Protein backbone atom coordinates (compact mmCIF):
# COMPACT_ATOMS: atom_id res chain seq x y z
CA MET A 1 38.66 10.07 12.42
CA GLU A 2 35.66 11.99 11.19
CA PRO A 3 32.10 11.30 12.39
CA SER A 4 30.16 8.81 10.29
CA ASN A 5 27.64 11.46 9.24
CA LEU A 6 30.49 13.41 7.58
CA GLY A 7 32.11 10.43 5.87
CA LEU A 8 32.90 10.57 2.17
CA ASP A 9 30.43 7.79 1.35
CA VAL A 10 27.65 9.63 3.17
CA ARG A 11 28.43 12.91 1.42
CA ARG A 12 28.52 11.17 -1.97
CA SER A 13 25.17 9.50 -1.29
CA LEU A 14 23.57 12.77 -0.24
CA SER A 15 24.96 14.56 -3.28
CA ALA A 16 23.71 11.81 -5.58
CA ALA A 17 20.25 11.75 -3.99
CA PHE A 18 19.81 15.51 -3.63
CA GLN A 19 21.98 16.89 -6.48
CA ASP A 20 24.24 18.89 -4.14
CA HIS A 21 21.27 20.61 -2.48
CA TRP A 22 21.69 19.18 1.02
CA ILE A 23 22.73 21.24 4.02
CA GLY A 24 25.29 19.99 6.52
CA CYS A 25 28.70 20.34 8.10
CA GLY A 26 30.21 18.17 5.38
CA ARG A 27 28.88 20.53 2.63
CA PRO A 28 27.94 21.29 -0.14
CA ILE A 29 25.83 24.00 1.57
CA ARG A 30 27.21 24.69 5.03
CA TRP A 31 24.75 24.85 7.91
CA PRO A 32 25.26 28.17 9.67
CA PRO A 33 26.55 27.84 13.24
CA ARG A 34 24.03 28.79 15.90
CA SER A 35 21.32 28.90 13.27
CA VAL A 36 18.02 30.42 14.38
CA ASP A 37 16.39 27.49 12.59
CA LEU A 38 17.56 25.15 15.35
CA THR A 39 15.53 25.29 18.53
CA THR A 40 15.80 23.63 21.91
CA LEU A 41 13.12 21.24 20.74
CA ASN A 42 15.28 20.22 17.76
CA PHE A 43 18.18 19.35 20.03
CA PHE A 44 16.03 17.75 22.71
CA LEU A 45 13.92 15.67 20.33
CA TRP A 46 16.95 14.51 18.33
CA GLY A 47 18.70 13.40 21.54
CA TYR A 48 15.58 11.63 22.73
CA MET A 49 15.20 9.90 19.38
CA LYS A 50 18.84 8.76 19.28
CA ASP A 51 18.57 7.36 22.82
CA HIS A 52 15.53 5.31 21.86
CA VAL A 53 16.23 4.39 18.24
CA PHE A 54 19.87 3.31 18.42
CA VAL A 55 19.82 1.26 21.65
CA PRO A 56 20.23 -1.63 21.07
CA PRO A 57 22.19 -1.26 17.83
CA VAL A 58 20.15 -1.15 14.61
CA ASN A 59 20.28 -4.32 12.47
CA ASP A 60 19.40 -2.93 9.04
CA LEU A 61 17.47 -0.21 7.22
CA PRO A 62 13.99 -1.74 7.71
CA ASP A 63 14.77 -2.07 11.44
CA LEU A 64 15.88 1.58 11.57
CA ARG A 65 12.73 2.77 9.80
CA ALA A 66 10.50 0.75 12.12
CA ARG A 67 12.26 2.07 15.23
CA ILE A 68 11.96 5.68 14.06
CA ARG A 69 8.22 5.26 13.45
CA GLU A 70 7.70 3.49 16.80
CA THR A 71 9.69 6.08 18.72
CA ILE A 72 7.90 9.06 17.16
CA ALA A 73 4.53 7.45 17.84
CA ALA A 74 5.49 6.86 21.48
CA VAL A 75 6.74 10.38 22.29
CA PRO A 76 4.65 11.48 25.28
CA MET A 77 2.60 14.55 24.43
CA ASP A 78 3.10 16.05 27.90
CA MET A 79 6.87 15.87 27.37
CA LEU A 80 6.54 17.85 24.12
CA GLU A 81 4.21 20.37 25.75
CA ARG A 82 6.75 20.98 28.54
CA MET A 83 9.44 21.56 25.93
CA TRP A 84 7.29 24.03 23.97
CA GLN A 85 6.67 25.99 27.16
């Protein structure tokens, strides 16, 4: 079973919204492995966000949007500063 972010419906939606100009593992433009564009902060912040946004499970799109905004607003600045260092 493939991850939900690589599912056919997701890829079709991305292609429809971005006219085949999106980058990802599921194509159309492959993201290069070990890309210099990805930093420790990218991985750390994404993990932090997922831990806070998706627990408990998201109810719907407005709920997801609200949680993303709330989580970003609540990221402690000292935590980000330690990561940048």
